[in-house]
Amino acid sequence: MPPDSVQALQHYLAQFAAQRDWEQFHSPKNLSMGLIGEAAEIIEHFQWLTEQQSRELAPEQLHAVSHELADVLVYLLRLADVLDIDLIAATYEKMAINELRFPPKPKET
């Protein structure tokens, strides 16, 4: 498995949790609540910015946001792993539904 694959990251996160005996806390309920909490922390970085300012973060702000996004990904991947959900397959399936629900905008001629 490639080191940058979703499966490799899930395996690493599962080992990390197991080595710390955290699996007992990693129920779907707890992981989903943690996911929401981490997602809310992203908002803190953008709350009082204008639309334009939110697109032009200073390097240190961008770095902090990258850590919050990583926290969200950790919880998301752990939740998917605990529930035995293939996120790649689920995403393609959901996008197929979205393609039907939201057809492309017709090209102007």
C-alpha atoms as a PDB file:
ATOM      1  CA  MET A   1       0.000   0.000   0.000  1.00  0.00           C
ATOM      2  CA  PRO A   2       1.471   3.392  -0.983  1.00  0.00           C
ATOM      3  CA  PRO A   3       2.585   5.440   2.038  1.00  0.00           C
ATOM      4  CA  ASP A   4       0.356   8.341   0.964  1.00  0.00           C
ATOM      5  CA  SER A   5      -2.809   6.267   0.509  1.00  0.00           C
ATOM      6  CA  VAL A   6      -5.966   6.611   2.577  1.00  0.00           C
ATOM      7  CA  GLN A   7      -5.534   3.016   3.750  1.00  0.00           C
ATOM      8  CA  ALA A   8      -1.958   3.635   4.894  1.00  0.00           C
ATOM      9  CA  LEU A   9      -3.029   6.688   6.867  1.00  0.00           C
ATOM     10  CA  GLN A  10      -5.957   4.788   8.413  1.00  0.00           C
ATOM     11  CA  HIS A  11      -3.579   1.985   9.409  1.00  0.00           C
ATOM     12  CA  TYR A  12      -1.172   4.484  10.982  1.00  0.00           C
ATOM     13  CA  LEU A  13      -4.016   6.171  12.901  1.00  0.00           C
ATOM     14  CA  ALA A  14      -5.377   2.817  14.112  1.00  0.00           C
ATOM     15  CA  GLN A  15      -1.905   1.823  15.371  1.00  0.00           C
ATOM     16  CA  PHE A  16      -1.491   5.206  17.053  1.00  0.00           C
ATOM     17  CA  ALA A  17      -4.828   4.770  18.869  1.00  0.00           C
ATOM     18  CA  ALA A  18      -4.109   1.143  19.791  1.00  0.00           C
ATOM     19  CA  GLN A  19      -0.684   1.972  21.251  1.00  0.00           C
ATOM     20  CA  ARG A  20      -2.338   4.495  23.567  1.00  0.00           C
ATOM     21  CA  ASP A  21      -5.333   2.271  24.412  1.00  0.00           C
ATOM     22  CA  TRP A  22      -7.657   4.871  22.884  1.00  0.00           C
ATOM     23  CA  GLU A  23      -9.717   2.371  20.913  1.00  0.00           C
ATOM     24  CA  GLN A  24     -12.041   2.103  23.911  1.00  0.00           C
ATOM     25  CA  PHE A  25     -12.979   5.754  23.314  1.00  0.00           C
ATOM     26  CA  HIS A  26     -13.239   5.529  19.529  1.00  0.00           C
ATOM     27  CA  SER A  27     -16.906   4.668  19.216  1.00  0.00           C
ATOM     28  CA  PRO A  28     -18.769   6.093  16.215  1.00  0.00           C
ATOM     29  CA  LYS A  29     -20.605   8.432  18.591  1.00  0.00           C
ATOM     30  CA  ASN A  30     -17.429   9.804  20.154  1.00  0.00           C
ATOM     31  CA  LEU A  31     -15.544  10.072  16.878  1.00  0.00           C
ATOM     32  CA  SER A  32     -18.413  11.914  15.184  1.00  0.00           C
ATOM     33  CA  MET A  33     -18.607  14.369  18.082  1.00  0.00           C
ATOM     34  CA  GLY A  34     -14.846  14.884  17.911  1.00  0.00           C
ATOM     35  CA  LEU A  35     -15.106  15.458  14.166  1.00  0.00           C
ATOM     36  CA  ILE A  36     -17.662  18.222  14.664  1.00  0.00           C
ATOM     37  CA  GLY A  37     -15.587  19.811  17.413  1.00  0.00           C
ATOM     38  CA  GLU A  38     -12.499  19.892  15.221  1.00  0.00           C
ATOM     39  CA  ALA A  39     -14.457  21.240  12.250  1.00  0.00           C
ATOM     40  CA  ALA A  40     -15.730  24.042  14.487  1.00  0.00           C
ATOM     41  CA  GLU A  41     -12.134  24.982  15.299  1.00  0.00           C
ATOM     42  CA  ILE A  42     -11.590  25.784  11.618  1.00  0.00           C
ATOM     43  CA  ILE A  43     -14.266  28.458  11.836  1.00  0.00           C
ATOM     44  CA  GLU A  44     -12.315  30.308  14.516  1.00  0.00           C
ATOM     45  CA  HIS A  45      -9.671  31.187  11.932  1.00  0.00           C
ATOM     46  CA  PHE A  46     -12.193  32.762   9.548  1.00  0.00           C
ATOM     47  CA  GLN A  47     -14.923  34.106  11.831  1.00  0.00           C
ATOM     48  CA  TRP A  48     -14.223  37.817  11.570  1.00  0.00           C
ATOM     49  CA  LEU A  49     -12.528  37.915   8.176  1.00  0.00           C
ATOM     50  CA  THR A  50     -13.994  39.259   4.976  1.00  0.00           C
ATOM     51  CA  GLU A  51     -14.410  36.925   2.012  1.00  0.00           C
ATOM     52  CA  GLN A  52     -11.229  38.347   0.480  1.00  0.00           C
ATOM     53  CA  GLN A  53      -9.215  38.107   3.706  1.00  0.00           C
ATOM     54  CA  SER A  54     -10.241  34.462   4.076  1.00  0.00           C
ATOM     55  CA  ARG A  55      -8.589  33.789   0.697  1.00  0.00           C
ATOM     56  CA  GLU A  56      -5.341  35.572   1.635  1.00  0.00           C
ATOM     57  CA  LEU A  57      -4.237  34.061   4.938  1.00  0.00           C
ATOM     58  CA  ALA A  58      -0.801  34.883   6.245  1.00  0.00           C
ATOM     59  CA  PRO A  59       1.564  31.891   6.195  1.00  0.00           C
ATOM     60  CA  GLU A  60       1.271  31.315   9.958  1.00  0.00           C
ATOM     61  CA  GLN A  61      -2.539  31.457   9.751  1.00  0.00           C
ATOM     62  CA  LEU A  62      -2.538  29.024   6.846  1.00  0.00           C
ATOM     63  CA  HIS A  63      -0.279  26.687   8.805  1.00  0.00           C
ATOM     64  CA  ALA A  64      -2.659  26.774  11.792  1.00  0.00           C
ATOM     65  CA  VAL A  65      -5.618  26.050   9.505  1.00  0.00           C
ATOM     66  CA  SER A  66      -3.698  23.125   7.988  1.00  0.00           C
ATOM     67  CA  HIS A  67      -3.425  21.592  11.465  1.00  0.00           C
ATOM     68  CA  GLU A  68      -7.149  22.014  12.067  1.00  0.00           C
ATOM     69  CA  LEU A  69      -7.902  20.382   8.714  1.00  0.00           C
ATOM     70  CA  ALA A  70      -5.569  17.529   9.651  1.00  0.00           C
ATOM     71  CA  ASP A  71      -7.470  17.078  12.928  1.00  0.00           C
ATOM     72  CA  VAL A  72     -10.729  16.839  10.966  1.00  0.00           C
ATOM     73  CA  LEU A  73      -9.181  14.274   8.622  1.00  0.00           C
ATOM     74  CA  VAL A  74      -7.924  12.196  11.562  1.00  0.00           C
ATOM     75  CA  TYR A  75     -11.393  11.978  13.089  1.00  0.00           C
ATOM     76  CA  LEU A  76     -13.018  11.338   9.704  1.00  0.00           C
ATOM     77  CA  LEU A  77     -10.624   8.523   8.844  1.00  0.00           C
ATOM     78  CA  ARG A  78     -10.929   6.930  12.287  1.00  0.00           C
ATOM     79  CA  LEU A  79     -14.736   7.061  12.049  1.00  0.00           C
ATOM     80  CA  ALA A  80     -14.703   5.484   8.597  1.00  0.00           C
ATOM     81  CA  ASP A  81     -12.276   2.814   9.801  1.00  0.00           C
ATOM     82  CA  VAL A  82     -14.366   1.954  12.870  1.00  0.00           C
ATOM     83  CA  LEU A  83     -17.489   1.709  10.689  1.00  0.00           C
ATOM     84  CA  ASP A  84     -15.612  -0.172   7.940  1.00  0.00           C
ATOM     85  CA  ILE A  85     -16.544   2.408   5.308  1.00  0.00           C
ATOM     86  CA  ASP A  86     -14.423   2.796   2.194  1.00  0.00           C
ATOM     87  CA  LEU A  87     -14.356   6.580   1.926  1.00  0.00           C
ATOM     88  CA  ILE A  88     -13.048   6.578  -1.638  1.00  0.00           C
ATOM     89  CA  ALA A  89     -15.857   4.303  -2.862  1.00  0.00           C
ATOM     90  CA  ALA A  90     -18.443   6.212  -0.809  1.00  0.00           C
ATOM     91  CA  THR A  91     -17.243   9.520  -2.245  1.00  0.00           C
ATOM     92  CA  TYR A  92     -17.449   8.320  -5.844  1.00  0.00           C
ATOM     93  CA  GLU A  93     -20.914   6.910  -5.143  1.00  0.00           C
ATOM     94  CA  LYS A  94     -22.055  10.189  -3.593  1.00  0.00           C
ATOM     95  CA  MET A  95     -20.583  12.233  -6.454  1.00  0.00           C
ATOM     96  CA  ALA A  96     -22.497  10.086  -8.956  1.00  0.00           C
ATOM     97  CA  ILE A  97     -25.671  11.038  -7.087  1.00  0.00           C
ATOM     98  CA  ASN A  98     -24.592  14.703  -7.054  1.00  0.00           C
ATOM     99  CA  GLU A  99     -23.947  14.624 -10.802  1.00  0.00           C
ATOM    100  CA  LEU A 100     -27.574  13.620 -11.332  1.00  0.00           C
ATOM    101  CA  ARG A 101     -28.912  16.116  -8.814  1.00  0.00           C
ATOM    102  CA  PHE A 102     -26.770  19.010 -10.017  1.00  0.00           C
ATOM    103  CA  PRO A 103     -26.125  18.776 -13.770  1.00  0.00           C
ATOM    104  CA  PRO A 104     -23.391  20.973 -15.229  1.00  0.00           C
ATOM    105  CA  LYS A 105     -24.289  24.466 -16.222  1.00  0.00           C
ATOM    106  CA  PRO A 106     -24.900  24.579 -19.995  1.00  0.00           C
ATOM    107  CA  LYS A 107     -22.147  26.269 -21.956  1.00  0.00           C
ATOM    108  CA  GLU A 108     -23.131  29.608 -23.365  1.00  0.00           C
ATOM    109  CA  THR A 109     -22.851  29.885 -27.113  1.00  0.00           C
END
